[in-house]
Amino acid sequence: DPVATSLKSPRKRVAGEEITQLILAIKQRILALPHESLAIMELLRTWQQEDRLLGDVESPRLIFQHYLDLFHWIPGTALINEQLLKQLGPWIGENLRSEGQQIVAAMQEYPNILAHNNLKANISGSGSTYLHKQLLLGQFMGVS
């Protein structure tokens, strides 16, 4: 298991094939074992912050894309937030950064979307965007 192998040397710098194996593990587990994928993503994000991912410019973009994938499934602030955007933003490209900024802005605009308006209007209103409906779902689920 690439995760177990990587964790055996907690202070080791990670490069090349090892990063590729961890990104592949995220992709393989995201549907059946999303909690494991999230743990691997957090591990890689931590290593990226500690400059332990050597010569890798693609990983932050892939990691952020997986955070977005999980957010679209379980729309919670633990998956997309301002801190995550600040940490990975410089390496993820304009399109992903823009999508992340839209999510963070909507979360800040409607910190409690349930209290913002009439619940029925929030769900079916013509002004409701897909993102607002996701945030509403996240509050129903208790993850926002």
N, C-alpha and C. Protein backbone atom coordinates (compact mmCIF):
# COMPACT_ATOMS: atom_id res chain seq x y z
N ASP A 1 0.85 -1.18 0.00
CA ASP A 1 0.00 0.00 0.00
C ASP A 1 0.89 1.25 0.00
N PRO A 2 0.71 2.15 -0.96
CA PRO A 2 1.57 3.33 -1.05
C PRO A 2 1.43 4.27 0.15
N VAL A 3 0.26 4.30 0.77
CA VAL A 3 0.07 5.17 1.92
C VAL A 3 0.90 4.66 3.10
N ALA A 4 0.79 3.38 3.38
CA ALA A 4 1.56 2.80 4.48
C ALA A 4 3.06 2.96 4.25
N THR A 5 3.50 2.77 3.03
CA THR A 5 4.91 2.93 2.71
C THR A 5 5.36 4.37 2.97
N SER A 6 4.54 5.33 2.57
CA SER A 6 4.89 6.74 2.76
C SER A 6 4.91 7.13 4.22
N LEU A 7 4.05 6.53 5.00
CA LEU A 7 3.96 6.89 6.42
C LEU A 7 5.07 6.27 7.27
N LYS A 8 5.77 5.29 6.75
CA LYS A 8 6.84 4.65 7.51
C LYS A 8 8.01 5.59 7.76
N SER A 9 8.19 6.57 6.89
CA SER A 9 9.26 7.57 7.06
C SER A 9 8.61 8.95 7.12
N PRO A 10 8.15 9.35 8.30
CA PRO A 10 7.34 10.57 8.40
C PRO A 10 8.04 11.87 8.02
N ARG A 11 9.34 11.96 8.07
CA ARG A 11 10.04 13.21 7.73
C ARG A 11 10.70 13.17 6.36
N LYS A 12 10.55 12.07 5.66
CA LYS A 12 11.16 11.91 4.35
C LYS A 12 10.50 12.82 3.32
N ARG A 13 11.29 13.33 2.40
CA ARG A 13 10.74 14.11 1.29
C ARG A 13 10.24 13.13 0.24
N VAL A 14 9.16 13.51 -0.41
CA VAL A 14 8.47 12.61 -1.34
C VAL A 14 8.60 13.16 -2.76
N ALA A 15 8.82 12.27 -3.72
CA ALA A 15 8.98 12.72 -5.10
C ALA A 15 8.45 11.69 -6.08
N GLY A 16 8.28 12.13 -7.31
CA GLY A 16 8.01 11.29 -8.46
C GLY A 16 6.98 10.21 -8.31
N GLU A 17 7.45 8.97 -8.43
CA GLU A 17 6.58 7.80 -8.45
C GLU A 17 5.77 7.67 -7.16
N GLU A 18 6.35 8.01 -6.05
CA GLU A 18 5.64 7.90 -4.77
C GLU A 18 4.43 8.85 -4.74
N ILE A 19 4.61 10.08 -5.24
CA ILE A 19 3.49 11.03 -5.32
C ILE A 19 2.44 10.51 -6.27
N THR A 20 2.88 10.00 -7.41
CA THR A 20 1.95 9.45 -8.40
C THR A 20 1.12 8.32 -7.80
N GLN A 21 1.76 7.45 -7.02
CA GLN A 21 1.05 6.33 -6.39
C GLN A 21 0.01 6.83 -5.37
N LEU A 22 0.35 7.88 -4.63
CA LEU A 22 -0.59 8.42 -3.65
C LEU A 22 -1.78 9.10 -4.33
N ILE A 23 -1.52 9.82 -5.41
CA ILE A 23 -2.61 10.45 -6.18
C ILE A 23 -3.50 9.37 -6.78
N LEU A 24 -2.91 8.30 -7.28
CA LEU A 24 -3.68 7.18 -7.82
C LEU A 24 -4.52 6.52 -6.72
N ALA A 25 -3.97 6.41 -5.52
CA ALA A 25 -4.72 5.84 -4.39
C ALA A 25 -5.94 6.70 -4.06
N ILE A 26 -5.79 8.03 -4.15
CA ILE A 26 -6.94 8.92 -3.93
C ILE A 26 -8.02 8.63 -4.96
N LYS A 27 -7.61 8.59 -6.20
CA LYS A 27 -8.56 8.38 -7.31
C LYS A 27 -9.27 7.03 -7.19
N GLN A 28 -8.54 5.99 -6.82
CA GLN A 28 -9.12 4.65 -6.72
C GLN A 28 -10.07 4.51 -5.54
N ARG A 29 -9.84 5.27 -4.47
CA ARG A 29 -10.63 5.10 -3.25
C ARG A 29 -11.74 6.13 -3.07
N ILE A 30 -11.79 7.14 -3.92
CA ILE A 30 -12.68 8.26 -3.66
C ILE A 30 -14.16 7.86 -3.65
N LEU A 31 -14.56 6.89 -4.42
CA LEU A 31 -15.97 6.48 -4.44
C LEU A 31 -16.30 5.47 -3.35
N ALA A 32 -15.47 4.49 -3.16
CA ALA A 32 -15.77 3.44 -2.19
C ALA A 32 -15.29 3.76 -0.78
N LEU A 33 -14.18 4.48 -0.68
CA LEU A 33 -13.59 4.79 0.62
C LEU A 33 -13.23 6.28 0.67
N PRO A 34 -14.23 7.16 0.60
CA PRO A 34 -13.91 8.59 0.53
C PRO A 34 -13.15 9.11 1.74
N HIS A 35 -13.37 8.51 2.91
CA HIS A 35 -12.64 8.94 4.10
C HIS A 35 -11.14 8.67 3.96
N GLU A 36 -10.79 7.55 3.33
CA GLU A 36 -9.37 7.27 3.09
C GLU A 36 -8.79 8.25 2.08
N SER A 37 -9.56 8.54 1.03
CA SER A 37 -9.09 9.52 0.05
C SER A 37 -8.85 10.87 0.70
N LEU A 38 -9.78 11.29 1.56
CA LEU A 38 -9.63 12.57 2.25
C LEU A 38 -8.38 12.56 3.13
N ALA A 39 -8.13 11.47 3.82
CA ALA A 39 -6.94 11.38 4.67
C ALA A 39 -5.66 11.49 3.83
N ILE A 40 -5.63 10.85 2.68
CA ILE A 40 -4.46 10.93 1.80
C ILE A 40 -4.31 12.35 1.25
N MET A 41 -5.43 12.98 0.88
CA MET A 41 -5.38 14.35 0.38
C MET A 41 -4.84 15.30 1.45
N GLU A 42 -5.29 15.12 2.69
CA GLU A 42 -4.81 15.96 3.79
C GLU A 42 -3.32 15.72 4.03
N LEU A 43 -2.90 14.48 3.93
CA LEU A 43 -1.48 14.15 4.08
C LEU A 43 -0.64 14.86 3.01
N LEU A 44 -1.08 14.75 1.76
CA LEU A 44 -0.34 15.40 0.67
C LEU A 44 -0.37 16.92 0.81
N ARG A 45 -1.49 17.47 1.23
CA ARG A 45 -1.59 18.93 1.41
C ARG A 45 -0.63 19.38 2.52
N THR A 46 -0.56 18.61 3.59
CA THR A 46 0.37 18.93 4.68
C THR A 46 1.81 18.87 4.18
N TRP A 47 2.13 17.82 3.44
CA TRP A 47 3.48 17.69 2.91
C TRP A 47 3.80 18.82 1.95
N GLN A 48 2.82 19.25 1.17
CA GLN A 48 3.03 20.35 0.24
C GLN A 48 3.35 21.62 1.02
N GLN A 49 2.65 21.84 2.13
CA GLN A 49 2.90 23.02 2.96
C GLN A 49 4.28 22.96 3.63
N GLU A 50 4.75 21.76 3.89
CA GLU A 50 6.07 21.57 4.51
C GLU A 50 7.18 21.45 3.47
N ASP A 51 6.87 21.70 2.19
CA ASP A 51 7.83 21.58 1.10
C ASP A 51 8.46 20.20 1.02
N ARG A 52 7.66 19.18 1.25
CA ARG A 52 8.17 17.81 1.20
C ARG A 52 7.83 17.12 -0.11
N LEU A 53 7.05 17.77 -0.99
CA LEU A 53 6.74 17.20 -2.30
C LEU A 53 7.75 17.77 -3.29
N LEU A 54 8.74 17.01 -3.60
CA LEU A 54 9.85 17.49 -4.42
C LEU A 54 9.50 17.54 -5.91
N GLY A 55 9.75 18.70 -6.50
CA GLY A 55 9.63 18.85 -7.94
C GLY A 55 8.27 18.54 -8.51
N ASP A 56 7.24 18.68 -7.72
CA ASP A 56 5.92 18.29 -8.19
C ASP A 56 5.02 19.53 -8.28
N VAL A 57 4.66 19.90 -9.49
CA VAL A 57 3.78 21.05 -9.67
C VAL A 57 2.34 20.64 -10.00
N GLU A 58 2.13 19.40 -10.36
CA GLU A 58 0.81 18.91 -10.75
C GLU A 58 -0.02 18.45 -9.55
N SER A 59 0.61 17.96 -8.50
CA SER A 59 -0.12 17.41 -7.35
C SER A 59 -1.10 18.37 -6.71
N PRO A 60 -0.73 19.63 -6.43
CA PRO A 60 -1.71 20.52 -5.81
C PRO A 60 -2.98 20.67 -6.64
N ARG A 61 -2.85 20.73 -7.96
CA ARG A 61 -4.03 20.85 -8.82
C ARG A 61 -4.89 19.60 -8.72
N LEU A 62 -4.27 18.43 -8.76
CA LEU A 62 -5.02 17.18 -8.66
C LEU A 62 -5.67 17.03 -7.29
N ILE A 63 -4.95 17.40 -6.25
CA ILE A 63 -5.50 17.32 -4.90
C ILE A 63 -6.71 18.24 -4.77
N PHE A 64 -6.57 19.49 -5.26
CA PHE A 64 -7.69 20.43 -5.17
C PHE A 64 -8.89 19.92 -5.97
N GLN A 65 -8.64 19.33 -7.12
CA GLN A 65 -9.75 18.78 -7.92
C GLN A 65 -10.49 17.70 -7.15
N HIS A 66 -9.76 16.88 -6.40
CA HIS A 66 -10.40 15.85 -5.59
C HIS A 66 -11.18 16.45 -4.42
N TYR A 67 -10.66 17.53 -3.84
CA TYR A 67 -11.44 18.25 -2.81
C TYR A 67 -12.75 18.75 -3.40
N LEU A 68 -12.69 19.30 -4.61
CA LEU A 68 -13.91 19.76 -5.28
C LEU A 68 -14.87 18.61 -5.54
N ASP A 69 -14.33 17.49 -5.98
CA ASP A 69 -15.17 16.31 -6.23
C ASP A 69 -15.90 15.90 -4.96
N LEU A 70 -15.19 15.86 -3.84
CA LEU A 70 -15.84 15.51 -2.57
C LEU A 70 -16.83 16.59 -2.15
N PHE A 71 -16.50 17.87 -2.38
CA PHE A 71 -17.40 18.95 -2.03
C PHE A 71 -18.72 18.83 -2.79
N HIS A 72 -18.64 18.46 -4.06
CA HIS A 72 -19.86 18.33 -4.85
C HIS A 72 -20.71 17.14 -4.39
N TRP A 73 -20.10 16.24 -3.68
CA TRP A 73 -20.81 15.09 -3.12
C TRP A 73 -21.33 15.42 -1.72
N ILE A 74 -20.46 15.99 -0.89
CA ILE A 74 -20.80 16.37 0.48
C ILE A 74 -20.37 17.83 0.65
N PRO A 75 -21.26 18.78 0.37
CA PRO A 75 -20.87 20.19 0.33
C PRO A 75 -20.64 20.80 1.71
N GLY A 76 -19.46 20.58 2.24
CA GLY A 76 -19.13 21.09 3.56
C GLY A 76 -17.91 21.98 3.57
N THR A 77 -17.85 22.83 4.57
CA THR A 77 -16.73 23.77 4.68
C THR A 77 -15.41 23.07 4.99
N ALA A 78 -15.45 21.86 5.46
CA ALA A 78 -14.20 21.13 5.71
C ALA A 78 -13.51 20.75 4.40
N LEU A 79 -14.27 20.72 3.32
CA LEU A 79 -13.70 20.29 2.04
C LEU A 79 -13.23 21.45 1.18
N ILE A 80 -13.96 22.55 1.17
CA ILE A 80 -13.52 23.75 0.45
C ILE A 80 -13.68 24.91 1.41
N ASN A 81 -12.59 25.60 1.64
CA ASN A 81 -12.63 26.75 2.54
C ASN A 81 -11.50 27.71 2.16
N GLU A 82 -11.50 28.86 2.81
CA GLU A 82 -10.54 29.90 2.48
C GLU A 82 -9.09 29.45 2.72
N GLN A 83 -8.86 28.74 3.81
CA GLN A 83 -7.50 28.29 4.12
C GLN A 83 -6.98 27.33 3.05
N LEU A 84 -7.81 26.38 2.64
CA LEU A 84 -7.42 25.43 1.59
C LEU A 84 -7.11 26.18 0.30
N LEU A 85 -7.94 27.15 -0.03
CA LEU A 85 -7.74 27.93 -1.24
C LEU A 85 -6.43 28.74 -1.18
N LYS A 86 -6.12 29.28 -0.02
CA LYS A 86 -4.86 30.02 0.14
C LYS A 86 -3.65 29.10 0.02
N GLN A 87 -3.77 27.90 0.58
CA GLN A 87 -2.65 26.97 0.56
C GLN A 87 -2.38 26.40 -0.82
N LEU A 88 -3.42 25.98 -1.51
CA LEU A 88 -3.23 25.33 -2.81
C LEU A 88 -3.44 26.27 -3.99
N GLY A 89 -4.07 27.41 -3.76
CA GLY A 89 -4.43 28.35 -4.82
C GLY A 89 -3.32 28.74 -5.77
N PRO A 90 -2.14 29.04 -5.27
CA PRO A 90 -1.08 29.47 -6.19
C PRO A 90 -0.66 28.41 -7.22
N TRP A 91 -0.98 27.15 -6.99
CA TRP A 91 -0.52 26.08 -7.88
C TRP A 91 -1.63 25.41 -8.68
N ILE A 92 -2.88 25.84 -8.54
CA ILE A 92 -3.97 25.04 -9.11
C ILE A 92 -4.51 25.53 -10.44
N GLY A 93 -4.12 26.67 -10.92
CA GLY A 93 -4.61 27.16 -12.19
C GLY A 93 -5.84 28.04 -12.02
N GLU A 94 -6.06 28.88 -12.98
CA GLU A 94 -7.10 29.90 -12.88
C GLU A 94 -8.52 29.34 -12.80
N ASN A 95 -8.84 28.32 -13.59
CA ASN A 95 -10.20 27.78 -13.59
C ASN A 95 -10.57 27.17 -12.24
N LEU A 96 -9.71 26.33 -11.69
CA LEU A 96 -9.99 25.73 -10.39
C LEU A 96 -10.00 26.77 -9.28
N ARG A 97 -9.06 27.71 -9.35
CA ARG A 97 -9.01 28.77 -8.34
C ARG A 97 -10.30 29.59 -8.37
N SER A 98 -10.78 29.90 -9.55
CA SER A 98 -12.02 30.66 -9.70
C SER A 98 -13.21 29.90 -9.13
N GLU A 99 -13.29 28.61 -9.41
CA GLU A 99 -14.38 27.80 -8.85
C GLU A 99 -14.30 27.76 -7.33
N GLY A 100 -13.11 27.60 -6.80
CA GLY A 100 -12.93 27.61 -5.35
C GLY A 100 -13.31 28.96 -4.74
N GLN A 101 -12.93 30.04 -5.40
CA GLN A 101 -13.27 31.38 -4.91
C GLN A 101 -14.78 31.60 -4.91
N GLN A 102 -15.46 31.09 -5.92
CA GLN A 102 -16.93 31.22 -5.98
C GLN A 102 -17.58 30.48 -4.81
N ILE A 103 -17.07 29.31 -4.49
CA ILE A 103 -17.62 28.53 -3.38
C ILE A 103 -17.38 29.24 -2.06
N VAL A 104 -16.15 29.71 -1.85
CA VAL A 104 -15.82 30.41 -0.60
C VAL A 104 -16.66 31.68 -0.48
N ALA A 105 -16.80 32.42 -1.57
CA ALA A 105 -17.60 33.66 -1.54
C ALA A 105 -19.05 33.36 -1.21
N ALA A 106 -19.60 32.30 -1.78
CA ALA A 106 -20.99 31.94 -1.49
C ALA A 106 -21.15 31.51 -0.04
N MET A 107 -20.17 30.80 0.49
CA MET A 107 -20.23 30.40 1.90
C MET A 107 -20.19 31.62 2.82
N GLN A 108 -19.39 32.61 2.44
CA GLN A 108 -19.29 33.81 3.26
C GLN A 108 -20.54 34.69 3.11
N GLU A 109 -21.12 34.67 1.92
CA GLU A 109 -22.34 35.46 1.67
C GLU A 109 -23.53 34.88 2.41
N TYR A 110 -23.62 33.58 2.46
CA TYR A 110 -24.73 32.90 3.11
C TYR A 110 -24.21 31.93 4.17
N PRO A 111 -23.68 32.43 5.28
CA PRO A 111 -23.17 31.51 6.30
C PRO A 111 -24.24 30.60 6.87
N ASN A 112 -25.48 31.07 6.84
CA ASN A 112 -26.61 30.22 7.25
C ASN A 112 -27.70 30.39 6.22
N ILE A 113 -27.58 29.67 5.13
CA ILE A 113 -28.50 29.81 4.02
C ILE A 113 -29.93 29.41 4.41
N LEU A 114 -30.07 28.56 5.42
CA LEU A 114 -31.41 28.18 5.88
C LEU A 114 -32.15 29.37 6.47
N ALA A 115 -31.43 30.25 7.16
CA ALA A 115 -32.06 31.40 7.78
C ALA A 115 -32.15 32.59 6.82
N HIS A 116 -31.48 32.52 5.71
CA HIS A 116 -31.43 33.64 4.79
C HIS A 116 -32.79 34.00 4.21
N ASN A 117 -33.52 33.03 3.85
CA ASN A 117 -34.81 33.24 3.20
C ASN A 117 -35.75 32.13 3.57
N ASN A 118 -36.92 32.22 3.05
CA ASN A 118 -37.88 31.14 3.18
C ASN A 118 -37.28 29.87 2.59
N LEU A 119 -37.36 28.76 3.30
CA LEU A 119 -36.75 27.51 2.86
C LEU A 119 -37.26 27.10 1.48
N LYS A 120 -38.55 27.21 1.26
CA LYS A 120 -39.13 26.82 -0.03
C LYS A 120 -38.54 27.69 -1.14
N ALA A 121 -38.38 28.98 -0.88
CA ALA A 121 -37.80 29.88 -1.88
C ALA A 121 -36.36 29.51 -2.16
N ASN A 122 -35.63 29.08 -1.14
CA ASN A 122 -34.24 28.69 -1.34
C ASN A 122 -34.12 27.47 -2.24
N ILE A 123 -35.04 26.54 -2.09
CA ILE A 123 -34.97 25.31 -2.86
C ILE A 123 -35.45 25.51 -4.29
N SER A 124 -36.56 26.19 -4.46
CA SER A 124 -37.16 26.23 -5.79
C SER A 124 -37.08 27.59 -6.45
N GLY A 125 -36.56 28.60 -5.77
CA GLY A 125 -36.54 29.95 -6.32
C GLY A 125 -35.71 30.06 -7.57
N SER A 126 -36.16 30.94 -8.45
CA SER A 126 -35.46 31.11 -9.72
C SER A 126 -34.08 31.71 -9.52
N GLY A 127 -33.88 32.43 -8.39
CA GLY A 127 -32.58 33.02 -8.13
C GLY A 127 -31.58 32.05 -7.53
N SER A 128 -32.04 30.85 -7.18
CA SER A 128 -31.15 29.88 -6.57
C SER A 128 -30.23 29.28 -7.63
N THR A 129 -28.96 29.29 -7.32
CA THR A 129 -28.01 28.66 -8.22
C THR A 129 -27.73 27.25 -7.72
N TYR A 130 -27.09 26.49 -8.55
CA TYR A 130 -26.70 25.13 -8.16
C TYR A 130 -25.83 25.17 -6.91
N LEU A 131 -24.90 26.13 -6.87
CA LEU A 131 -24.01 26.26 -5.72
C LEU A 131 -24.80 26.56 -4.45
N HIS A 132 -25.76 27.46 -4.53
CA HIS A 132 -26.57 27.77 -3.35
C HIS A 132 -27.36 26.55 -2.89
N LYS A 133 -27.83 25.77 -3.83
CA LYS A 133 -28.56 24.54 -3.47
C LYS A 133 -27.62 23.54 -2.81
N GLN A 134 -26.37 23.50 -3.28
CA GLN A 134 -25.39 22.62 -2.64
C GLN A 134 -25.13 23.05 -1.21
N LEU A 135 -24.98 24.36 -1.00
CA LEU A 135 -24.74 24.87 0.35
C LEU A 135 -25.94 24.59 1.26
N LEU A 136 -27.13 24.71 0.72
CA LEU A 136 -28.34 24.39 1.48
C LEU A 136 -28.33 22.92 1.87
N LEU A 137 -27.99 22.05 0.92
CA LEU A 137 -27.89 20.62 1.19
C LEU A 137 -26.85 20.36 2.27
N GLY A 138 -25.73 21.04 2.19
CA GLY A 138 -24.68 20.87 3.21
C GLY A 138 -25.17 21.24 4.59
N GLN A 139 -25.99 22.28 4.69
CA GLN A 139 -26.51 22.65 6.00
C GLN A 139 -27.53 21.63 6.49
N PHE A 140 -28.34 21.11 5.59
CA PHE A 140 -29.26 20.03 5.97
C PHE A 140 -28.49 18.81 6.49
N MET A 141 -27.38 18.51 5.84
CA MET A 141 -26.57 17.35 6.21
C MET A 141 -25.74 17.61 7.46
N GLY A 142 -25.64 18.87 7.85
CA GLY A 142 -24.86 19.21 9.04
C GLY A 142 -23.37 19.28 8.81
N VAL A 143 -22.94 19.50 7.56
CA VAL A 143 -21.52 19.55 7.27
C VAL A 143 -21.04 20.96 6.95
N SER A 144 -21.93 21.93 6.94
CA SER A 144 -21.53 23.32 6.66
C SER A 144 -21.57 24.14 7.92
